[in-house]
């Protein structure tokens, strides 16, 4: 692959990762209220409603943990681009196929090693 094509491809992956990072941060900020502590005042909220609110809060926390992991993978992928190590499997050091990176630009492993 020519250097110009490689540079263009890396720029496209970088832009995709930066866009995805911005989306995840916006979702995280918008969902902060859903992760807030649930009020224990039984006068304003009944027991069933409070349990439901606590379940929703637990789901919001689980989603936030997944977002945090996704953000970490994105940051790692951006660091690999800057270091010139992007697109190589961390296990076998072979190139990760472009089609896999197009689906998940933060992929750390090739298909063979991921299975």
PDB file of N, CA and C in Angstrom:
ATOM      1  N   UNK A   1       0.849  -1.174   0.000  1.00  0.00           N
ATOM      2  CA  UNK A   1       0.000   0.000   0.000  1.00  0.00           C
ATOM      3  C   UNK A   1       0.895   1.239   0.000  1.00  0.00           C
ATOM      4  N   UNK A   2       0.569   2.198  -0.824  1.00  0.00           N
ATOM      5  CA  UNK A   2       1.363   3.413  -0.929  1.00  0.00           C
ATOM      6  C   UNK A   2       1.226   4.244   0.343  1.00  0.00           C
ATOM      7  N   UNK A   3       2.257   5.001   0.650  1.00  0.00           N
ATOM      8  CA  UNK A   3       2.295   5.819   1.865  1.00  0.00           C
ATOM      9  C   UNK A   3       1.126   6.801   1.908  1.00  0.00           C
ATOM     10  N   UNK A   4       0.795   7.400   0.770  1.00  0.00           N
ATOM     11  CA  UNK A   4      -0.303   8.371   0.726  1.00  0.00           C
ATOM     12  C   UNK A   4      -1.637   7.695   1.064  1.00  0.00           C
ATOM     13  N   UNK A   5      -1.866   6.491   0.526  1.00  0.00           N
ATOM     14  CA  UNK A   5      -3.097   5.758   0.826  1.00  0.00           C
ATOM     15  C   UNK A   5      -3.144   5.371   2.292  1.00  0.00           C
ATOM     16  N   UNK A   6      -2.010   4.941   2.832  1.00  0.00           N
ATOM     17  CA  UNK A   6      -1.934   4.559   4.232  1.00  0.00           C
ATOM     18  C   UNK A   6      -2.233   5.759   5.132  1.00  0.00           C
ATOM     19  N   UNK A   7      -1.658   6.900   4.823  1.00  0.00           N
ATOM     20  CA  UNK A   7      -1.890   8.113   5.602  1.00  0.00           C
ATOM     21  C   UNK A   7      -3.359   8.513   5.554  1.00  0.00           C
ATOM     22  N   UNK A   8      -3.966   8.433   4.378  1.00  0.00           N
ATOM     23  CA  UNK A   8      -5.378   8.775   4.228  1.00  0.00           C
ATOM     24  C   UNK A   8      -6.253   7.809   5.042  1.00  0.00           C
ATOM     25  N   UNK A   9      -5.923   6.536   4.980  1.00  0.00           N
ATOM     26  CA  UNK A   9      -6.685   5.533   5.712  1.00  0.00           C
ATOM     27  C   UNK A   9      -6.573   5.772   7.228  1.00  0.00           C
ATOM     28  N   UNK A  10      -5.375   6.055   7.707  1.00  0.00           N
ATOM     29  CA  UNK A  10      -5.188   6.328   9.131  1.00  0.00           C
ATOM     30  C   UNK A  10      -5.942   7.587   9.558  1.00  0.00           C
ATOM     31  N   UNK A  11      -5.949   8.595   8.698  1.00  0.00           N
ATOM     32  CA  UNK A  11      -6.702   9.817   8.986  1.00  0.00           C
ATOM     33  C   UNK A  11      -8.202   9.524   9.098  1.00  0.00           C
ATOM     34  N   UNK A  12      -8.696   8.646   8.232  1.00  0.00           N
ATOM     35  CA  UNK A  12     -10.116   8.274   8.281  1.00  0.00           C
ATOM     36  C   UNK A  12     -10.436   7.512   9.561  1.00  0.00           C
ATOM     37  N   UNK A  13      -9.571   6.582   9.952  1.00  0.00           N
ATOM     38  CA  UNK A  13      -9.784   5.846  11.199  1.00  0.00           C
ATOM     39  C   UNK A  13      -9.702   6.785  12.399  1.00  0.00           C
ATOM     40  N   UNK A  14      -8.746   7.714  12.373  1.00  0.00           N
ATOM     41  CA  UNK A  14      -8.610   8.681  13.466  1.00  0.00           C
ATOM     42  C   UNK A  14      -9.884   9.517  13.588  1.00  0.00           C
ATOM     43  N   UNK A  15     -10.396  10.002  12.467  1.00  0.00           N
ATOM     44  CA  UNK A  15     -11.620  10.812  12.490  1.00  0.00           C
ATOM     45  C   UNK A  15     -12.804  10.001  13.008  1.00  0.00           C
ATOM     46  N   UNK A  16     -12.904   8.750  12.584  1.00  0.00           N
ATOM     47  CA  UNK A  16     -13.981   7.877  13.048  1.00  0.00           C
ATOM     48  C   UNK A  16     -13.888   7.653  14.556  1.00  0.00           C
ATOM     49  N   UNK A  17     -12.688   7.401  15.054  1.00  0.00           N
ATOM     50  CA  UNK A  17     -12.496   7.183  16.483  1.00  0.00           C
ATOM     51  C   UNK A  17     -12.793   8.446  17.295  1.00  0.00           C
ATOM     52  N   UNK A  18     -12.360   9.585  16.815  1.00  0.00           N
ATOM     53  CA  UNK A  18     -12.615  10.856  17.509  1.00  0.00           C
ATOM     54  C   UNK A  18     -14.116  11.138  17.548  1.00  0.00           C
ATOM     55  N   UNK A  19     -14.804  10.871  16.450  1.00  0.00           N
ATOM     56  CA  UNK A  19     -16.259  11.063  16.395  1.00  0.00           C
ATOM     57  C   UNK A  19     -16.960  10.131  17.383  1.00  0.00           C
ATOM     58  N   UNK A  20     -16.558   8.875  17.409  1.00  0.00           N
ATOM     59  CA  UNK A  20     -17.160   7.896  18.317  1.00  0.00           C
ATOM     60  C   UNK A  20     -16.899   8.294  19.769  1.00  0.00           C
ATOM     61  N   UNK A  21     -15.693   8.783  20.054  1.00  0.00           N
ATOM     62  CA  UNK A  21     -15.371   9.235  21.409  1.00  0.00           C
ATOM     63  C   UNK A  21     -16.278  10.391  21.823  1.00  0.00           C
ATOM     64  N   UNK A  22     -16.490  11.334  20.925  1.00  0.00           N
ATOM     65  CA  UNK A  22     -17.369  12.474  21.226  1.00  0.00           C
ATOM     66  C   UNK A  22     -18.807  12.012  21.481  1.00  0.00           C
ATOM     67  N   UNK A  23     -19.280  11.048  20.699  1.00  0.00           N
ATOM     68  CA  UNK A  23     -20.626  10.501  20.908  1.00  0.00           C
ATOM     69  C   UNK A  23     -20.753   9.863  22.287  1.00  0.00           C
ATOM     70  N   UNK A  24     -19.771   9.049  22.660  1.00  0.00           N
ATOM     71  CA  UNK A  24     -19.818   8.362  23.951  1.00  0.00           C
ATOM     72  C   UNK A  24     -19.760   9.353  25.113  1.00  0.00           C
ATOM     73  N   UNK A  25     -18.967  10.393  24.986  1.00  0.00           N
ATOM     74  CA  UNK A  25     -18.879  11.407  26.042  1.00  0.00           C
ATOM     75  C   UNK A  25     -20.203  12.155  26.161  1.00  0.00           C
ATOM     76  N   UNK A  26     -20.829  12.465  25.029  1.00  0.00           N
ATOM     77  CA  UNK A  26     -22.128  13.152  25.058  1.00  0.00           C
ATOM     78  C   UNK A  26     -23.190  12.283  25.720  1.00  0.00           C
ATOM     79  N   UNK A  27     -23.190  10.996  25.408  1.00  0.00           N
ATOM     80  CA  UNK A  27     -24.154  10.073  26.031  1.00  0.00           C
ATOM     81  C   UNK A  27     -23.883   9.974  27.525  1.00  0.00           C
ATOM     82  N   UNK A  28     -22.616   9.884  27.895  1.00  0.00           N
ATOM     83  CA  UNK A  28     -22.255   9.807  29.317  1.00  0.00           C
ATOM     84  C   UNK A  28     -22.757  11.030  30.072  1.00  0.00           C
ATOM     85  N   UNK A  29     -22.541  12.205  29.490  1.00  0.00           N
ATOM     86  CA  UNK A  29     -22.976  13.437  30.143  1.00  0.00           C
ATOM     87  C   UNK A  29     -24.498  13.521  30.234  1.00  0.00           C
ATOM     88  N   UNK A  30     -25.183  13.087  29.179  1.00  0.00           N
ATOM     89  CA  UNK A  30     -26.643  13.149  29.156  1.00  0.00           C
ATOM     90  C   UNK A  30     -27.284  12.152  30.111  1.00  0.00           C
ATOM     91  N   UNK A  31     -26.594  11.073  30.412  1.00  0.00           N
ATOM     92  CA  UNK A  31     -27.184  10.027  31.254  1.00  0.00           C
ATOM     93  C   UNK A  31     -26.762  10.130  32.714  1.00  0.00           C
ATOM     94  N   UNK A  32     -26.095  11.204  33.091  1.00  0.00           N
ATOM     95  CA  UNK A  32     -25.621  11.343  34.474  1.00  0.00           C
ATOM     96  C   UNK A  32     -26.782  11.302  35.466  1.00  0.00           C
ATOM     97  N   UNK A  33     -27.893  11.889  35.125  1.00  0.00           N
ATOM     98  CA  UNK A  33     -29.049  11.909  36.034  1.00  0.00           C
ATOM     99  C   UNK A  33     -29.576  10.497  36.297  1.00  0.00           C
ATOM    100  N   UNK A  34     -29.522   9.630  35.305  1.00  0.00           N
ATOM    101  CA  UNK A  34     -30.024   8.261  35.471  1.00  0.00           C
ATOM    102  C   UNK A  34     -29.171   7.464  36.456  1.00  0.00           C
ATOM    103  N   UNK A  35     -27.922   7.889  36.659  1.00  0.00           N
ATOM    104  CA  UNK A  35     -27.028   7.187  37.585  1.00  0.00           C
ATOM    105  C   UNK A  35     -27.029   7.797  38.978  1.00  0.00           C
ATOM    106  N   UNK A  36     -27.795   8.879  39.163  1.00  0.00           N
ATOM    107  CA  UNK A  36     -27.842   9.565  40.451  1.00  0.00           C
ATOM    108  C   UNK A  36     -28.484   8.670  41.515  1.00  0.00           C
ATOM    109  N   UNK A  37     -28.135   8.886  42.785  1.00  0.00           N
ATOM    110  CA  UNK A  37     -28.736   8.084  43.855  1.00  0.00           C
ATOM    111  C   UNK A  37     -30.268   8.190  43.852  1.00  0.00           C
ATOM    112  N   UNK A  38     -30.905   7.087  44.208  1.00  0.00           N
ATOM    113  CA  UNK A  38     -32.359   7.028  44.258  1.00  0.00           C
ATOM    114  C   UNK A  38     -32.815   7.497  45.627  1.00  0.00           C
ATOM    115  N   UNK A  39     -33.806   8.379  45.643  1.00  0.00           N
ATOM    116  CA  UNK A  39     -34.346   8.897  46.893  1.00  0.00           C
ATOM    117  C   UNK A  39     -35.029   7.781  47.682  1.00  0.00           C
ATOM    118  N   UNK A  40     -34.821   7.771  48.990  1.00  0.00           N
ATOM    119  CA  UNK A  40     -35.425   6.757  49.850  1.00  0.00           C
ATOM    120  C   UNK A  40     -36.666   7.274  50.564  1.00  0.00           C
ATOM    121  N   UNK A  41     -37.151   8.432  50.200  1.00  0.00           N
ATOM    122  CA  UNK A  41     -38.336   9.028  50.821  1.00  0.00           C
ATOM    123  C   UNK A  41     -39.587   8.284  50.368  1.00  0.00           C
ATOM    124  N   UNK A  42     -40.184   7.480  51.247  1.00  0.00           N
ATOM    125  CA  UNK A  42     -41.363   6.689  50.886  1.00  0.00           C
ATOM    126  C   UNK A  42     -42.610   7.556  50.749  1.00  0.00           C
ATOM    127  N   UNK A  43     -42.575   8.772  51.246  1.00  0.00           N
ATOM    128  CA  UNK A  43     -43.727   9.663  51.126  1.00  0.00           C
ATOM    129  C   UNK A  43     -43.900  10.143  49.683  1.00  0.00           C
ATOM    130  N   UNK A  44     -42.767  10.356  48.989  1.00  0.00           N
ATOM    131  CA  UNK A  44     -42.852  10.873  47.621  1.00  0.00           C
ATOM    132  C   UNK A  44     -42.825   9.759  46.575  1.00  0.00           C
ATOM    133  N   UNK A  45     -42.236   8.618  46.913  1.00  0.00           N
ATOM    134  CA  UNK A  45     -42.131   7.507  45.966  1.00  0.00           C
ATOM    135  C   UNK A  45     -42.484   6.218  46.698  1.00  0.00           C
ATOM    136  N   UNK A  46     -43.351   5.425  46.124  1.00  0.00           N
ATOM    137  CA  UNK A  46     -43.720   4.156  46.730  1.00  0.00           C
ATOM    138  C   UNK A  46     -42.599   3.139  46.618  1.00  0.00           C
ATOM    139  N   UNK A  47     -42.743   2.039  47.362  1.00  0.00           N
ATOM    140  CA  UNK A  47     -41.712   1.004  47.400  1.00  0.00           C
ATOM    141  C   UNK A  47     -41.464   0.406  46.012  1.00  0.00           C
ATOM    142  N   UNK A  48     -42.524   0.086  45.276  1.00  0.00           N
ATOM    143  CA  UNK A  48     -42.371  -0.515  43.944  1.00  0.00           C
ATOM    144  C   UNK A  48     -41.697   0.461  42.989  1.00  0.00           C
ATOM    145  N   UNK A  49     -42.095   1.712  43.052  1.00  0.00           N
ATOM    146  CA  UNK A  49     -41.479   2.718  42.185  1.00  0.00           C
ATOM    147  C   UNK A  49     -40.007   2.902  42.521  1.00  0.00           C
ATOM    148  N   UNK A  50     -39.694   2.836  43.816  1.00  0.00           N
ATOM    149  CA  UNK A  50     -38.303   2.994  44.233  1.00  0.00           C
ATOM    150  C   UNK A  50     -37.457   1.813  43.750  1.00  0.00           C
ATOM    151  N   UNK A  51     -37.984   0.596  43.849  1.00  0.00           N
ATOM    152  CA  UNK A  51     -37.273  -0.594  43.366  1.00  0.00           C
ATOM    153  C   UNK A  51     -37.048  -0.493  41.859  1.00  0.00           C
ATOM    154  N   UNK A  52     -38.073  -0.049  41.151  1.00  0.00           N
ATOM    155  CA  UNK A  52     -37.948   0.140  39.703  1.00  0.00           C
ATOM    156  C   UNK A  52     -36.872   1.179  39.397  1.00  0.00           C
ATOM    157  N   UNK A  53     -36.864   2.273  40.143  1.00  0.00           N
ATOM    158  CA  UNK A  53     -35.860   3.314  39.937  1.00  0.00           C
ATOM    159  C   UNK A  53     -34.458   2.787  40.228  1.00  0.00           C
ATOM    160  N   UNK A  54     -34.341   1.937  41.244  1.00  0.00           N
ATOM    161  CA  UNK A  54     -33.035   1.359  41.570  1.00  0.00           C
ATOM    162  C   UNK A  54     -32.568   0.402  40.474  1.00  0.00           C
ATOM    163  N   UNK A  55     -33.490  -0.343  39.879  1.00  0.00           N
ATOM    164  CA  UNK A  55     -33.123  -1.229  38.771  1.00  0.00           C
ATOM    165  C   UNK A  55     -32.677  -0.414  37.565  1.00  0.00           C
ATOM    166  N   UNK A  56     -33.382   0.668  37.295  1.00  0.00           N
ATOM    167  CA  UNK A  56     -32.983   1.531  36.176  1.00  0.00           C
ATOM    168  C   UNK A  56     -31.619   2.154  36.443  1.00  0.00           C
ATOM    169  N   UNK A  57     -31.383   2.521  37.697  1.00  0.00           N
ATOM    170  CA  UNK A  57     -30.092   3.090  38.061  1.00  0.00           C
ATOM    171  C   UNK A  57     -28.980   2.055  37.857  1.00  0.00           C
ATOM    172  N   UNK A  58     -29.224   0.812  38.255  1.00  0.00           N
ATOM    173  CA  UNK A  58     -28.230  -0.251  38.081  1.00  0.00           C
ATOM    174  C   UNK A  58     -27.928  -0.472  36.598  1.00  0.00           C
ATOM    175  N   UNK A  59     -28.970  -0.442  35.772  1.00  0.00           N
ATOM    176  CA  UNK A  59     -28.749  -0.588  34.322  1.00  0.00           C
ATOM    177  C   UNK A  59     -27.952   0.590  33.778  1.00  0.00           C
ATOM    178  N   UNK A  60     -28.241   1.791  34.255  1.00  0.00           N
ATOM    179  CA  UNK A  60     -27.495   2.972  33.809  1.00  0.00           C
ATOM    180  C   UNK A  60     -26.026   2.863  34.197  1.00  0.00           C
ATOM    181  N   UNK A  61     -25.762   2.329  35.385  1.00  0.00           N
ATOM    182  CA  UNK A  61     -24.366   2.143  35.813  1.00  0.00           C
ATOM    183  C   UNK A  61     -23.668   1.094  34.939  1.00  0.00           C
ATOM    184  N   UNK A  62     -24.360   0.023  34.598  1.00  0.00           N
ATOM    185  CA  UNK A  62     -23.780  -1.008  33.727  1.00  0.00           C
ATOM    186  C   UNK A  62     -23.474  -0.428  32.350  1.00  0.00           C
ATOM    187  N   UNK A  63     -24.386   0.377  31.836  1.00  0.00           N
ATOM    188  CA  UNK A  63     -24.150   1.009  30.531  1.00  0.00           C
ATOM    189  C   UNK A  63     -22.959   1.958  30.616  1.00  0.00           C
ATOM    190  N   UNK A  64     -22.825   2.667  31.724  1.00  0.00           N
ATOM    191  CA  UNK A  64     -21.710   3.589  31.889  1.00  0.00           C
ATOM    192  C   UNK A  64     -20.386   2.835  31.959  1.00  0.00           C
ATOM    193  N   UNK A  65     -20.365   1.680  32.622  1.00  0.00           N
ATOM    194  CA  UNK A  65     -19.135   0.874  32.651  1.00  0.00           C
ATOM    195  C   UNK A  65     -18.744   0.437  31.241  1.00  0.00           C
ATOM    196  N   UNK A  66     -19.734   0.036  30.423  1.00  0.00           N
ATOM    197  CA  UNK A  66     -19.451  -0.365  29.044  1.00  0.00           C
ATOM    198  C   UNK A  66     -18.935   0.828  28.236  1.00  0.00           C
ATOM    199  N   UNK A  67     -19.548   2.000  28.426  1.00  0.00           N
ATOM    200  CA  UNK A  67     -19.078   3.204  27.735  1.00  0.00           C
ATOM    201  C   UNK A  67     -17.644   3.518  28.133  1.00  0.00           C
ATOM    202  N   UNK A  68     -17.326   3.377  29.418  1.00  0.00           N
ATOM    203  CA  UNK A  68     -15.964   3.662  29.890  1.00  0.00           C
ATOM    204  C   UNK A  68     -14.960   2.705  29.246  1.00  0.00           C
ATOM    205  N   UNK A  69     -15.337   1.443  29.122  1.00  0.00           N
ATOM    206  CA  UNK A  69     -14.451   0.474  28.457  1.00  0.00           C
ATOM    207  C   UNK A  69     -14.283   0.827  26.982  1.00  0.00           C
ATOM    208  N   UNK A  70     -15.377   1.226  26.328  1.00  0.00           N
ATOM    209  CA  UNK A  70     -15.302   1.622  24.918  1.00  0.00           C
ATOM    210  C   UNK A  70     -14.422   2.861  24.753  1.00  0.00           C
ATOM    211  N   UNK A  71     -14.564   3.823  25.662  1.00  0.00           N
ATOM    212  CA  UNK A  71     -13.720   5.026  25.593  1.00  0.00           C
ATOM    213  C   UNK A  71     -12.246   4.670  25.777  1.00  0.00           C
ATOM    214  N   UNK A  72     -11.964   3.743  26.686  1.00  0.00           N
ATOM    215  CA  UNK A  72     -10.586   3.316  26.897  1.00  0.00           C
ATOM    216  C   UNK A  72     -10.026   2.653  25.632  1.00  0.00           C
ATOM    217  N   UNK A  73     -10.819   1.799  24.977  1.00  0.00           N
ATOM    218  CA  UNK A  73     -10.368   1.140  23.750  1.00  0.00           C
ATOM    219  C   UNK A  73     -10.116   2.179  22.654  1.00  0.00           C
ATOM    220  N   UNK A  74     -10.982   3.201  22.580  1.00  0.00           N
ATOM    221  CA  UNK A  74     -10.805   4.259  21.575  1.00  0.00           C
ATOM    222  C   UNK A  74      -9.514   5.025  21.847  1.00  0.00           C
ATOM    223  N   UNK A  75      -9.275   5.391  23.103  1.00  0.00           N
ATOM    224  CA  UNK A  75      -8.044   6.110  23.453  1.00  0.00           C
ATOM    225  C   UNK A  75      -6.811   5.276  23.112  1.00  0.00           C
ATOM    226  N   UNK A  76      -6.881   3.975  23.382  1.00  0.00           N
ATOM    227  CA  UNK A  76      -5.764   3.092  23.054  1.00  0.00           C
ATOM    228  C   UNK A  76      -5.544   3.029  21.541  1.00  0.00           C
ATOM    229  N   UNK A  77      -6.627   2.958  20.777  1.00  0.00           N
ATOM    230  CA  UNK A  77      -6.504   2.913  19.316  1.00  0.00           C
ATOM    231  C   UNK A  77      -5.889   4.206  18.788  1.00  0.00           C
ATOM    232  N   UNK A  78      -6.320   5.346  19.333  1.00  0.00           N
ATOM    233  CA  UNK A  78      -5.736   6.629  18.911  1.00  0.00           C
ATOM    234  C   UNK A  78      -4.247   6.683  19.256  1.00  0.00           C
ATOM    235  N   UNK A  79      -3.881   6.153  20.407  1.00  0.00           N
ATOM    236  CA  UNK A  79      -2.462   6.118  20.791  1.00  0.00           C
ATOM    237  C   UNK A  79      -1.668   5.212  19.854  1.00  0.00           C
ATOM    238  N   UNK A  80      -2.282   4.083  19.438  1.00  0.00           N
ATOM    239  CA  UNK A  80      -1.591   3.186  18.494  1.00  0.00           C
ATOM    240  C   UNK A  80      -1.409   3.859  17.139  1.00  0.00           C
ATOM    241  N   UNK A  81      -2.384   4.668  16.718  1.00  0.00           N
ATOM    242  CA  UNK A  81      -2.229   5.407  15.453  1.00  0.00           C
ATOM    243  C   UNK A  81      -1.030   6.341  15.569  1.00  0.00           C
ATOM    244  N   UNK A  82      -0.961   7.096  16.653  1.00  0.00           N
ATOM    245  CA  UNK A  82       0.134   8.049  16.833  1.00  0.00           C
ATOM    246  C   UNK A  82       1.487   7.352  16.930  1.00  0.00           C
ATOM    247  N   UNK A  83       1.501   6.152  17.507  1.00  0.00           N
ATOM    248  CA  UNK A  83       2.759   5.411  17.675  1.00  0.00           C
ATOM    249  C   UNK A  83       3.143   4.609  16.437  1.00  0.00           C
ATOM    250  N   UNK A  84       2.260   4.599  15.421  1.00  0.00           N
ATOM    251  CA  UNK A  84       2.545   3.832  14.216  1.00  0.00           C
ATOM    252  C   UNK A  84       2.315   2.346  14.388  1.00  0.00           C
ATOM    253  N   UNK A  85       1.530   1.965  15.385  1.00  0.00           N
ATOM    254  CA  UNK A  85       1.277   0.551  15.676  1.00  0.00           C
ATOM    255  C   UNK A  85      -0.160   0.138  15.395  1.00  0.00           C
ATOM    256  N   UNK A  86      -0.939   1.021  14.808  1.00  0.00           N
ATOM    257  CA  UNK A  86      -2.351   0.748  14.558  1.00  0.00           C
ATOM    258  C   UNK A  86      -2.513  -0.319  13.479  1.00  0.00           C
ATOM    259  N   UNK A  87      -3.480  -1.207  13.696  1.00  0.00           N
ATOM    260  CA  UNK A  87      -3.809  -2.196  12.682  1.00  0.00           C
ATOM    261  C   UNK A  87      -3.058  -3.507  12.811  1.00  0.00           C
ATOM    262  N   UNK A  88      -2.321  -3.665  13.903  1.00  0.00           N
ATOM    263  CA  UNK A  88      -1.590  -4.911  14.126  1.00  0.00           C
ATOM    264  C   UNK A  88      -2.136  -5.608  15.368  1.00  0.00           C
ATOM    265  N   UNK A  89      -2.312  -6.914  15.261  1.00  0.00           N
ATOM    266  CA  UNK A  89      -2.846  -7.731  16.342  1.00  0.00           C
ATOM    267  C   UNK A  89      -1.883  -7.724  17.538  1.00  0.00           C
ATOM    268  N   UNK A  90      -2.420  -7.539  18.723  1.00  0.00           N
ATOM    269  CA  UNK A  90      -1.583  -7.532  19.928  1.00  0.00           C
ATOM    270  C   UNK A  90      -1.089  -8.920  20.308  1.00  0.00           C
ATOM    271  N   UNK A  91      -1.739  -9.972  19.811  1.00  0.00           N
ATOM    272  CA  UNK A  91      -1.338 -11.344  20.124  1.00  0.00           C
ATOM    273  C   UNK A  91      -0.280 -11.870  19.153  1.00  0.00           C
ATOM    274  N   UNK A  92      -0.598 -11.842  17.864  1.00  0.00           N
ATOM    275  CA  UNK A  92       0.288 -12.470  16.873  1.00  0.00           C
ATOM    276  C   UNK A  92       1.097 -11.460  16.057  1.00  0.00           C
ATOM    277  N   UNK A  93       0.822 -10.172  16.237  1.00  0.00           N
ATOM    278  CA  UNK A  93       1.523  -9.090  15.549  1.00  0.00           C
ATOM    279  C   UNK A  93       1.293  -9.081  14.036  1.00  0.00           C
ATOM    280  N   UNK A  94       0.281  -9.812  13.576  1.00  0.00           N
ATOM    281  CA  UNK A  94      -0.088  -9.781  12.156  1.00  0.00           C
ATOM    282  C   UNK A  94      -1.017  -8.593  11.916  1.00  0.00           C
ATOM    283  N   UNK A  95      -1.141  -8.184  10.655  1.00  0.00           N
ATOM    284  CA  UNK A  95      -2.060  -7.098  10.322  1.00  0.00           C
ATOM    285  C   UNK A  95      -3.496  -7.520  10.562  1.00  0.00           C
ATOM    286  N   UNK A  96      -4.264  -6.613  11.144  1.00  0.00           N
ATOM    287  CA  UNK A  96      -5.700  -6.837  11.301  1.00  0.00           C
ATOM    288  C   UNK A  96      -6.334  -6.438   9.975  1.00  0.00           C
ATOM    289  N   UNK A  97      -7.167  -7.303   9.384  1.00  0.00           N
ATOM    290  CA  UNK A  97      -7.774  -6.966   8.092  1.00  0.00           C
ATOM    291  C   UNK A  97      -8.544  -5.639   8.141  1.00  0.00           C
ATOM    292  N   UNK A  98      -8.436  -4.885   7.064  1.00  0.00           N
ATOM    293  CA  UNK A  98      -9.085  -3.573   6.952  1.00  0.00           C
ATOM    294  C   UNK A  98     -10.582  -3.682   7.213  1.00  0.00           C
ATOM    295  N   UNK A  99     -11.225  -4.721   6.694  1.00  0.00           N
ATOM    296  CA  UNK A  99     -12.667  -4.868   6.883  1.00  0.00           C
ATOM    297  C   UNK A  99     -13.013  -4.975   8.376  1.00  0.00           C
ATOM    298  N   UNK A 100     -12.182  -5.663   9.146  1.00  0.00           N
ATOM    299  CA  UNK A 100     -12.418  -5.760  10.595  1.00  0.00           C
ATOM    300  C   UNK A 100     -12.257  -4.386  11.240  1.00  0.00           C
ATOM    301  N   UNK A 101     -11.242  -3.641  10.839  1.00  0.00           N
ATOM    302  CA  UNK A 101     -11.030  -2.307  11.396  1.00  0.00           C
ATOM    303  C   UNK A 101     -12.138  -1.344  10.989  1.00  0.00           C
ATOM    304  N   UNK A 102     -12.717  -1.544   9.809  1.00  0.00           N
ATOM    305  CA  UNK A 102     -13.823  -0.705   9.393  1.00  0.00           C
ATOM    306  C   UNK A 102     -15.050  -0.945  10.274  1.00  0.00           C
ATOM    307  N   UNK A 103     -15.231  -2.178  10.714  1.00  0.00           N
ATOM    308  CA  UNK A 103     -16.342  -2.508  11.605  1.00  0.00           C
ATOM    309  C   UNK A 103     -16.044  -2.015  13.020  1.00  0.00           C
ATOM    310  N   UNK A 104     -14.817  -2.230  13.492  1.00  0.00           N
ATOM    311  CA  UNK A 104     -14.413  -1.835  14.842  1.00  0.00           C
ATOM    312  C   UNK A 104     -12.989  -1.293  14.793  1.00  0.00           C
ATOM    313  N   UNK A 105     -12.838   0.017  14.594  1.00  0.00           N
ATOM    314  CA  UNK A 105     -11.489   0.576  14.484  1.00  0.00           C
ATOM    315  C   UNK A 105     -10.674   0.466  15.768  1.00  0.00           C
ATOM    316  N   UNK A 106     -11.317   0.121  16.877  1.00  0.00           N
ATOM    317  CA  UNK A 106     -10.596  -0.042  18.139  1.00  0.00           C
ATOM    318  C   UNK A 106     -10.216  -1.506  18.383  1.00  0.00           C
ATOM    319  N   UNK A 107     -10.399  -2.357  17.375  1.00  0.00           N
ATOM    320  CA  UNK A 107     -10.084  -3.791  17.530  1.00  0.00           C
ATOM    321  C   UNK A 107      -8.617  -3.964  17.892  1.00  0.00           C
ATOM    322  N   UNK A 108      -8.379  -4.825  18.877  1.00  0.00           N
ATOM    323  CA  UNK A 108      -7.014  -5.098  19.333  1.00  0.00           C
ATOM    324  C   UNK A 108      -6.436  -6.358  18.725  1.00  0.00           C
ATOM    325  N   UNK A 109      -7.336  -7.262  18.303  1.00  0.00           N
ATOM    326  CA  UNK A 109      -6.925  -8.589  17.839  1.00  0.00           C
ATOM    327  C   UNK A 109      -7.451  -8.874  16.456  1.00  0.00           C
ATOM    328  N   UNK A 110      -6.720  -9.704  15.709  1.00  0.00           N
ATOM    329  CA  UNK A 110      -7.224 -10.204  14.433  1.00  0.00           C
ATOM    330  C   UNK A 110      -8.335 -11.225  14.738  1.00  0.00           C
ATOM    331  N   UNK A 111      -9.046 -11.625  13.719  1.00  0.00           N
ATOM    332  CA  UNK A 111     -10.155 -12.575  13.911  1.00  0.00           C
ATOM    333  C   UNK A 111      -9.652 -13.875  14.519  1.00  0.00           C
ATOM    334  N   UNK A 112      -8.544 -14.387  14.016  1.00  0.00           N
ATOM    335  CA  UNK A 112      -8.013 -15.660  14.488  1.00  0.00           C
ATOM    336  C   UNK A 112      -7.709 -15.619  15.985  1.00  0.00           C
ATOM    337  N   UNK A 113      -7.085 -14.561  16.439  1.00  0.00           N
ATOM    338  CA  UNK A 113      -6.724 -14.452  17.854  1.00  0.00           C
ATOM    339  C   UNK A 113      -7.921 -14.072  18.733  1.00  0.00           C
ATOM    340  N   UNK A 114      -8.896 -13.424  18.151  1.00  0.00           N
ATOM    341  CA  UNK A 114     -10.079 -13.011  18.923  1.00  0.00           C
ATOM    342  C   UNK A 114     -10.987 -14.183  19.251  1.00  0.00           C
ATOM    343  N   UNK A 115     -10.873 -15.267  18.474  1.00  0.00           N
ATOM    344  CA  UNK A 115     -11.758 -16.420  18.682  1.00  0.00           C
ATOM    345  C   UNK A 115     -11.256 -17.321  19.742  1.00  0.00           C
TER     346      UNK A 115
END
